[in-house]
Amino acid sequence: MERIWVGFGGLIGLSAVAMAAVAAHAPLEPAALAALRSAVEMQGWHALALLFCGVWAPRGGIWVHLAGACFIAGLALFCTGVYATAFWSTHLGPVAPTGGTILMIGWACLGISALRARA
């Protein structure tokens, strides 16, 4: 499982850099550009969190795997919602806030994994 989190972290980091390049050249309204940059930043931080999940997995147990799954699902929802709004002015309802909530659950799971870590 460790390699899966590192692999996803790498792919999500790659896509964050690609989206940052798009954001630098996209002719967007200032509010849309600010939202896009926020999503790119969130994506980049969670790419690092997934890399950490891969490193921490041998000691973190099931909780670190739950954290990784939450990070992936949360990013998919959050970024899809924000990117759809920024690029196409399409509001997907509660998709982005739901993704953000799942990301927070992922951080809680990661914290629990540290508290319950194997020696």
C-alpha atoms as a PDB file:
ATOM      1  CA  MET A   1       0.000   0.000   0.000  1.00  0.00           C
ATOM      2  CA  GLU A   2       2.868   2.389   0.704  1.00  0.00           C
ATOM      3  CA  ARG A   3       3.752   2.632  -2.972  1.00  0.00           C
ATOM      4  CA  ILE A   4       0.160   3.478  -3.865  1.00  0.00           C
ATOM      5  CA  TRP A   5       0.163   6.589  -1.661  1.00  0.00           C
ATOM      6  CA  VAL A   6       3.539   7.714  -2.983  1.00  0.00           C
ATOM      7  CA  GLY A   7       2.375   7.065  -6.557  1.00  0.00           C
ATOM      8  CA  PHE A   8      -0.820   9.046  -6.082  1.00  0.00           C
ATOM      9  CA  GLY A   9       1.148  11.795  -4.347  1.00  0.00           C
ATOM     10  CA  GLY A  10       3.431  12.054  -7.349  1.00  0.00           C
ATOM     11  CA  LEU A  11       0.573  12.131  -9.851  1.00  0.00           C
ATOM     12  CA  ILE A  12      -1.387  14.686  -7.847  1.00  0.00           C
ATOM     13  CA  GLY A  13       1.747  16.816  -7.472  1.00  0.00           C
ATOM     14  CA  LEU A  14       2.308  16.611 -11.224  1.00  0.00           C
ATOM     15  CA  SER A  15      -1.260  17.691 -11.936  1.00  0.00           C
ATOM     16  CA  ALA A  16      -0.938  20.536  -9.400  1.00  0.00           C
ATOM     17  CA  VAL A  17       2.068  21.898 -11.270  1.00  0.00           C
ATOM     18  CA  ALA A  18       0.203  21.531 -14.573  1.00  0.00           C
ATOM     19  CA  MET A  19      -2.818  23.384 -13.175  1.00  0.00           C
ATOM     20  CA  ALA A  20      -0.524  26.126 -11.831  1.00  0.00           C
ATOM     21  CA  ALA A  21       0.831  26.555 -15.365  1.00  0.00           C
ATOM     22  CA  VAL A  22      -2.716  26.758 -16.725  1.00  0.00           C
ATOM     23  CA  ALA A  23      -3.622  29.293 -14.037  1.00  0.00           C
ATOM     24  CA  ALA A  24      -0.633  31.431 -15.007  1.00  0.00           C
ATOM     25  CA  HIS A  25      -1.848  31.703 -18.599  1.00  0.00           C
ATOM     26  CA  ALA A  26      -5.634  31.384 -18.405  1.00  0.00           C
ATOM     27  CA  PRO A  27      -7.639  34.528 -19.171  1.00  0.00           C
ATOM     28  CA  LEU A  28      -9.854  34.366 -16.079  1.00  0.00           C
ATOM     29  CA  GLU A  29     -11.683  36.884 -13.973  1.00  0.00           C
ATOM     30  CA  PRO A  30      -9.783  37.803 -10.767  1.00  0.00           C
ATOM     31  CA  ALA A  31     -12.206  35.892  -8.494  1.00  0.00           C
ATOM     32  CA  ALA A  32     -11.998  32.759 -10.661  1.00  0.00           C
ATOM     33  CA  LEU A  33      -8.208  33.026 -10.769  1.00  0.00           C
ATOM     34  CA  ALA A  34      -8.039  33.346  -6.975  1.00  0.00           C
ATOM     35  CA  ALA A  35     -10.241  30.251  -6.557  1.00  0.00           C
ATOM     36  CA  LEU A  36      -8.124  28.341  -9.063  1.00  0.00           C
ATOM     37  CA  ARG A  37      -4.917  29.247  -7.249  1.00  0.00           C
ATOM     38  CA  SER A  38      -6.465  28.178  -3.947  1.00  0.00           C
ATOM     39  CA  ALA A  39      -7.372  24.779  -5.402  1.00  0.00           C
ATOM     40  CA  VAL A  40      -3.885  24.367  -6.869  1.00  0.00           C
ATOM     41  CA  GLU A  41      -2.370  25.162  -3.481  1.00  0.00           C
ATOM     42  CA  MET A  42      -4.683  22.671  -1.765  1.00  0.00           C
ATOM     43  CA  GLN A  43      -3.768  20.059  -4.359  1.00  0.00           C
ATOM     44  CA  GLY A  44      -0.046  20.632  -3.847  1.00  0.00           C
ATOM     45  CA  TRP A  45      -0.219  20.369  -0.066  1.00  0.00           C
ATOM     46  CA  HIS A  46      -2.230  17.186  -0.237  1.00  0.00           C
ATOM     47  CA  ALA A  47       0.195  15.689  -2.749  1.00  0.00           C
ATOM     48  CA  LEU A  48       2.823  16.086  -0.025  1.00  0.00           C
ATOM     49  CA  ALA A  49       0.429  14.614   2.534  1.00  0.00           C
ATOM     50  CA  LEU A  50       0.005  11.537   0.336  1.00  0.00           C
ATOM     51  CA  LEU A  51       3.777  11.163   0.043  1.00  0.00           C
ATOM     52  CA  PHE A  52       3.928  11.299   3.829  1.00  0.00           C
ATOM     53  CA  CYS A  53       1.188   8.646   4.051  1.00  0.00           C
ATOM     54  CA  GLY A  54       3.392   6.355   1.988  1.00  0.00           C
ATOM     55  CA  VAL A  55       6.353   6.914   4.297  1.00  0.00           C
ATOM     56  CA  TRP A  56       4.276   6.669   7.480  1.00  0.00           C
ATOM     57  CA  ALA A  57       2.147   3.667   6.423  1.00  0.00           C
ATOM     58  CA  PRO A  58       4.330   0.936   7.978  1.00  0.00           C
ATOM     59  CA  ARG A  59       3.837   2.495  11.421  1.00  0.00           C
ATOM     60  CA  GLY A  60       0.457   4.201  11.012  1.00  0.00           C
ATOM     61  CA  GLY A  61      -1.693   1.152  10.415  1.00  0.00           C
ATOM     62  CA  ILE A  62      -5.198   1.268   8.984  1.00  0.00           C
ATOM     63  CA  TRP A  63      -5.690   4.909   9.988  1.00  0.00           C
ATOM     64  CA  VAL A  64      -2.997   6.141   7.621  1.00  0.00           C
ATOM     65  CA  HIS A  65      -4.623   4.197   4.784  1.00  0.00           C
ATOM     66  CA  LEU A  66      -7.970   5.787   5.621  1.00  0.00           C
ATOM     67  CA  ALA A  67      -6.241   9.181   5.591  1.00  0.00           C
ATOM     68  CA  GLY A  68      -4.766   8.529   2.146  1.00  0.00           C
ATOM     69  CA  ALA A  69      -8.125   7.411   0.776  1.00  0.00           C
ATOM     70  CA  CYS A  70      -9.778  10.527   2.218  1.00  0.00           C
ATOM     71  CA  PHE A  71      -7.104  12.754   0.708  1.00  0.00           C
ATOM     72  CA  ILE A  72      -7.662  11.281  -2.756  1.00  0.00           C
ATOM     73  CA  ALA A  73     -11.464  11.350  -2.574  1.00  0.00           C
ATOM     74  CA  GLY A  74     -11.515  14.802  -0.994  1.00  0.00           C
ATOM     75  CA  LEU A  75      -9.166  16.254  -3.592  1.00  0.00           C
ATOM     76  CA  ALA A  76     -11.161  14.752  -6.435  1.00  0.00           C
ATOM     77  CA  LEU A  77     -14.348  16.377  -5.186  1.00  0.00           C
ATOM     78  CA  PHE A  78     -12.881  19.672  -3.971  1.00  0.00           C
ATOM     79  CA  CYS A  79     -10.727  20.371  -7.016  1.00  0.00           C
ATOM     80  CA  THR A  80     -13.406  19.256  -9.478  1.00  0.00           C
ATOM     81  CA  GLY A  81     -15.879  21.644  -7.882  1.00  0.00           C
ATOM     82  CA  VAL A  82     -13.485  24.582  -7.821  1.00  0.00           C
ATOM     83  CA  TYR A  83     -12.042  23.978 -11.297  1.00  0.00           C
ATOM     84  CA  ALA A  84     -15.525  23.632 -12.836  1.00  0.00           C
ATOM     85  CA  THR A  85     -16.558  26.934 -11.297  1.00  0.00           C
ATOM     86  CA  ALA A  86     -13.334  28.737 -12.248  1.00  0.00           C
ATOM     87  CA  PHE A  87     -13.131  27.541 -15.857  1.00  0.00           C
ATOM     88  CA  TRP A  88     -16.744  27.078 -16.920  1.00  0.00           C
ATOM     89  CA  SER A  89     -18.777  28.987 -14.307  1.00  0.00           C
ATOM     90  CA  THR A  90     -20.494  25.673 -13.577  1.00  0.00           C
ATOM     91  CA  HIS A  91     -21.532  25.243  -9.963  1.00  0.00           C
ATOM     92  CA  LEU A  92     -21.695  21.596  -8.932  1.00  0.00           C
ATOM     93  CA  GLY A  93     -23.629  22.171  -5.745  1.00  0.00           C
ATOM     94  CA  PRO A  94     -21.994  20.949  -2.544  1.00  0.00           C
ATOM     95  CA  VAL A  95     -19.204  19.033  -4.323  1.00  0.00           C
ATOM     96  CA  ALA A  96     -16.343  21.328  -3.237  1.00  0.00           C
ATOM     97  CA  PRO A  97     -17.473  21.694   0.405  1.00  0.00           C
ATOM     98  CA  THR A  98     -18.028  17.944   0.632  1.00  0.00           C
ATOM     99  CA  GLY A  99     -14.515  17.389  -0.696  1.00  0.00           C
ATOM    100  CA  GLY A 100     -13.137  19.860   1.835  1.00  0.00           C
ATOM    101  CA  THR A 101     -14.904  18.042   4.647  1.00  0.00           C
ATOM    102  CA  ILE A 102     -13.461  14.721   3.485  1.00  0.00           C
ATOM    103  CA  LEU A 103      -9.997  16.313   3.415  1.00  0.00           C
ATOM    104  CA  MET A 104     -10.455  17.383   7.040  1.00  0.00           C
ATOM    105  CA  ILE A 105     -11.524  13.835   7.946  1.00  0.00           C
ATOM    106  CA  GLY A 106      -8.323  12.646   6.259  1.00  0.00           C
ATOM    107  CA  TRP A 107      -6.245  14.902   8.484  1.00  0.00           C
ATOM    108  CA  ALA A 108      -8.087  13.599  11.538  1.00  0.00           C
ATOM    109  CA  CYS A 109      -7.331  10.030  10.441  1.00  0.00           C
ATOM    110  CA  LEU A 110      -3.673  10.915   9.963  1.00  0.00           C
ATOM    111  CA  GLY A 111      -3.559  12.383  13.460  1.00  0.00           C
ATOM    112  CA  ILE A 112      -5.201   9.274  14.907  1.00  0.00           C
ATOM    113  CA  SER A 113      -2.647   7.148  13.083  1.00  0.00           C
ATOM    114  CA  ALA A 114       0.121   8.976  14.966  1.00  0.00           C
ATOM    115  CA  LEU A 115      -1.597   8.492  18.312  1.00  0.00           C
ATOM    116  CA  ARG A 116      -2.127   4.793  17.679  1.00  0.00           C
ATOM    117  CA  ALA A 117       1.205   4.162  15.925  1.00  0.00           C
ATOM    118  CA  ARG A 118       3.106   0.969  16.450  1.00  0.00           C
ATOM    119  CA  ALA A 119       6.459   1.318  18.155  1.00  0.00           C
END
